Amino acid sequence: QVQLVESGGGLVQPGGSLRLSCAASGFAFSSYAMNWYRQVPGKEREWIAYIDSIGGGTIYPASVKGRFTISRDNSKKTLSLQMNSLKPEDTAVYYCNAPHFNSWGQGTQVTVSS
């Protein structure tokens, strides 16, 4: 059974940083690409980062490129998202995603506010 559990969300001031983690289990984590998404209530879920199975290739949309960094530790079956220079518009629930299995975690809330 595929399971994804996000952690690391919280309240941070504009300009601050936060690091999210996603613990994966139930599948061969090192064999599959992963994504991070985020969602604001009333809006569609937004894709924000992709990483290939070995961590050698990453892709970001313009909205977060240069501020967010996706990474993975295949030995620990962990996906991470380092978020720097956070803005109020980054406030959302953040989800990790295993696209091959169409599987999602429960999400972790990130709030950027002074």
C-alpha atoms as a PDB file:
ATOM      1  CA  GLN A   1       0.000   0.000   0.000  1.00  0.00           C
ATOM      2  CA  VAL A   2       1.469   3.307  -1.119  1.00  0.00           C
ATOM      3  CA  GLN A   3       1.693   5.806   1.717  1.00  0.00           C
ATOM      4  CA  LEU A   4       3.001   9.368   1.702  1.00  0.00           C
ATOM      5  CA  VAL A   5       3.247  11.437   4.880  1.00  0.00           C
ATOM      6  CA  GLU A   6       4.183  15.113   4.712  1.00  0.00           C
ATOM      7  CA  SER A   7       5.623  17.122   7.581  1.00  0.00           C
ATOM      8  CA  GLY A   8       7.406  20.373   8.270  1.00  0.00           C
ATOM      9  CA  GLY A   9       4.694  22.921   7.587  1.00  0.00           C
ATOM     10  CA  GLY A  10       3.997  25.869   9.841  1.00  0.00           C
ATOM     11  CA  LEU A  11       3.839  29.626  10.162  1.00  0.00           C
ATOM     12  CA  VAL A  12       6.724  31.657   8.768  1.00  0.00           C
ATOM     13  CA  GLN A  13       7.286  35.352   8.137  1.00  0.00           C
ATOM     14  CA  PRO A  14       7.642  36.725   4.601  1.00  0.00           C
ATOM     15  CA  GLY A  15      11.203  36.252   3.417  1.00  0.00           C
ATOM     16  CA  GLY A  16      11.681  33.272   5.664  1.00  0.00           C
ATOM     17  CA  SER A  17      12.447  29.648   4.901  1.00  0.00           C
ATOM     18  CA  LEU A  18      10.836  26.305   5.573  1.00  0.00           C
ATOM     19  CA  ARG A  19      11.732  22.730   4.722  1.00  0.00           C
ATOM     20  CA  LEU A  20       9.049  20.165   4.017  1.00  0.00           C
ATOM     21  CA  SER A  21       9.539  16.422   4.110  1.00  0.00           C
ATOM     22  CA  CYS A  22       7.576  13.510   2.735  1.00  0.00           C
ATOM     23  CA  ALA A  23       8.107   9.992   4.044  1.00  0.00           C
ATOM     24  CA  ALA A  24       7.260   7.339   1.461  1.00  0.00           C
ATOM     25  CA  SER A  25       6.438   3.687   2.001  1.00  0.00           C
ATOM     26  CA  GLY A  26       4.769   0.772   0.251  1.00  0.00           C
ATOM     27  CA  PHE A  27       6.588   1.062  -3.059  1.00  0.00           C
ATOM     28  CA  ALA A  28      10.088   1.079  -4.549  1.00  0.00           C
ATOM     29  CA  PHE A  29      10.661   4.787  -3.899  1.00  0.00           C
ATOM     30  CA  SER A  30      14.006   4.948  -5.707  1.00  0.00           C
ATOM     31  CA  SER A  31      12.427   3.763  -8.955  1.00  0.00           C
ATOM     32  CA  TYR A  32       9.908   6.557  -9.399  1.00  0.00           C
ATOM     33  CA  ALA A  33       9.756  10.259 -10.070  1.00  0.00           C
ATOM     34  CA  MET A  34       8.010  12.438  -7.508  1.00  0.00           C
ATOM     35  CA  ASN A  35       6.241  15.775  -7.381  1.00  0.00           C
ATOM     36  CA  TRP A  36       5.253  18.471  -4.934  1.00  0.00           C
ATOM     37  CA  TYR A  37       1.945  20.294  -5.345  1.00  0.00           C
ATOM     38  CA  ARG A  38       0.131  22.931  -3.348  1.00  0.00           C
ATOM     39  CA  GLN A  39      -3.481  23.991  -3.032  1.00  0.00           C
ATOM     40  CA  VAL A  40      -5.293  27.058  -1.789  1.00  0.00           C
ATOM     41  CA  PRO A  41      -8.938  26.592  -0.728  1.00  0.00           C
ATOM     42  CA  GLY A  42     -11.226  27.215  -3.664  1.00  0.00           C
ATOM     43  CA  LYS A  43      -8.448  26.857  -6.234  1.00  0.00           C
ATOM     44  CA  GLU A  44      -7.059  23.996  -8.269  1.00  0.00           C
ATOM     45  CA  ARG A  45      -4.080  22.082  -7.020  1.00  0.00           C
ATOM     46  CA  GLU A  46      -0.880  23.628  -8.430  1.00  0.00           C
ATOM     47  CA  TRP A  47       2.175  21.629  -9.426  1.00  0.00           C
ATOM     48  CA  ILE A  48       5.343  23.217  -8.016  1.00  0.00           C
ATOM     49  CA  ALA A  49       8.231  20.768  -8.353  1.00  0.00           C
ATOM     50  CA  TYR A  50       9.298  17.540 -10.064  1.00  0.00           C
ATOM     51  CA  ILE A  51      12.270  15.288  -9.459  1.00  0.00           C
ATOM     52  CA  ASP A  52      13.300  12.187 -11.376  1.00  0.00           C
ATOM     53  CA  SER A  53      13.888   8.832  -9.733  1.00  0.00           C
ATOM     54  CA  ILE A  54      17.589   9.337  -9.052  1.00  0.00           C
ATOM     55  CA  GLY A  55      17.417  13.030  -8.202  1.00  0.00           C
ATOM     56  CA  GLY A  56      19.426  14.134 -11.189  1.00  0.00           C
ATOM     57  CA  GLY A  57      16.688  16.068 -12.929  1.00  0.00           C
ATOM     58  CA  THR A  58      14.359  18.680 -11.472  1.00  0.00           C
ATOM     59  CA  ILE A  59      11.765  21.007 -12.970  1.00  0.00           C
ATOM     60  CA  TYR A  60       9.895  23.971 -11.485  1.00  0.00           C
ATOM     61  CA  PRO A  61       7.246  26.404 -12.675  1.00  0.00           C
ATOM     62  CA  ALA A  62       8.156  30.067 -12.863  1.00  0.00           C
ATOM     63  CA  SER A  63       6.206  30.843  -9.697  1.00  0.00           C
ATOM     64  CA  VAL A  64       8.754  29.047  -7.472  1.00  0.00           C
ATOM     65  CA  LYS A  65      11.865  28.639  -9.626  1.00  0.00           C
ATOM     66  CA  GLY A  66      14.939  30.003  -7.888  1.00  0.00           C
ATOM     67  CA  ARG A  67      13.247  29.952  -4.477  1.00  0.00           C
ATOM     68  CA  PHE A  68      12.234  26.299  -3.997  1.00  0.00           C
ATOM     69  CA  THR A  69      14.453  23.233  -4.256  1.00  0.00           C
ATOM     70  CA  ILE A  70      13.187  19.675  -4.457  1.00  0.00           C
ATOM     71  CA  SER A  71      15.463  16.839  -3.385  1.00  0.00           C
ATOM     72  CA  ARG A  72      15.287  13.211  -2.360  1.00  0.00           C
ATOM     73  CA  ASP A  73      17.149  10.694  -0.242  1.00  0.00           C
ATOM     74  CA  ASN A  74      16.436   7.305  -1.744  1.00  0.00           C
ATOM     75  CA  SER A  75      18.219   5.501   1.087  1.00  0.00           C
ATOM     76  CA  LYS A  76      15.719   7.013   3.544  1.00  0.00           C
ATOM     77  CA  LYS A  77      12.736   7.015   1.141  1.00  0.00           C
ATOM     78  CA  THR A  78      12.294  10.702   1.790  1.00  0.00           C
ATOM     79  CA  LEU A  79      11.319  13.576  -0.481  1.00  0.00           C
ATOM     80  CA  SER A  80      12.077  17.154   0.568  1.00  0.00           C
ATOM     81  CA  LEU A  81      11.177  20.670  -0.475  1.00  0.00           C
ATOM     82  CA  GLN A  82      13.381  23.546   0.665  1.00  0.00           C
ATOM     83  CA  MET A  83      11.455  26.802   0.401  1.00  0.00           C
ATOM     84  CA  ASN A  84      13.304  30.116   0.635  1.00  0.00           C
ATOM     85  CA  SER A  85      12.263  33.742   0.229  1.00  0.00           C
ATOM     86  CA  LEU A  86       8.712  32.798   1.081  1.00  0.00           C
ATOM     87  CA  LYS A  87       5.874  35.131   0.112  1.00  0.00           C
ATOM     88  CA  PRO A  88       2.323  35.443   1.444  1.00  0.00           C
ATOM     89  CA  GLU A  89       1.083  33.984  -1.839  1.00  0.00           C
ATOM     90  CA  ASP A  90       2.961  30.769  -1.032  1.00  0.00           C
ATOM     91  CA  THR A  91       0.409  30.111   1.702  1.00  0.00           C
ATOM     92  CA  ALA A  92      -1.252  26.783   0.891  1.00  0.00           C
ATOM     93  CA  VAL A  93      -1.510  23.140   1.804  1.00  0.00           C
ATOM     94  CA  TYR A  94       1.486  21.326   0.339  1.00  0.00           C
ATOM     95  CA  TYR A  95       1.271  17.747  -0.923  1.00  0.00           C
ATOM     96  CA  CYS A  96       3.777  15.224  -2.153  1.00  0.00           C
ATOM     97  CA  ASN A  97       2.719  13.052  -5.038  1.00  0.00           C
ATOM     98  CA  ALA A  98       3.800   9.773  -6.554  1.00  0.00           C
ATOM     99  CA  PRO A  99       2.481  10.209 -10.092  1.00  0.00           C
ATOM    100  CA  HIS A 100       2.972   6.609 -11.192  1.00  0.00           C
ATOM    101  CA  PHE A 101       0.532   5.499  -8.494  1.00  0.00           C
ATOM    102  CA  ASN A 102      -1.625   8.637  -8.504  1.00  0.00           C
ATOM    103  CA  SER A 103      -1.025   8.694  -4.778  1.00  0.00           C
ATOM    104  CA  TRP A 104      -1.126  11.719  -2.460  1.00  0.00           C
ATOM    105  CA  GLY A 105      -0.224  12.498   1.098  1.00  0.00           C
ATOM    106  CA  GLN A 106      -2.552  14.211   3.568  1.00  0.00           C
ATOM    107  CA  GLY A 107      -0.843  17.556   3.096  1.00  0.00           C
ATOM    108  CA  THR A 108       0.923  19.995   5.400  1.00  0.00           C
ATOM    109  CA  GLN A 109      -0.169  23.592   5.919  1.00  0.00           C
ATOM    110  CA  VAL A 110       2.269  26.397   5.142  1.00  0.00           C
ATOM    111  CA  THR A 111       1.270  29.909   6.189  1.00  0.00           C
ATOM    112  CA  VAL A 112       3.396  32.904   5.265  1.00  0.00           C
ATOM    113  CA  SER A 113       2.351  35.930   7.270  1.00  0.00           C
ATOM    114  CA  SER A 114       3.760  38.674   9.442  1.00  0.00           C
END
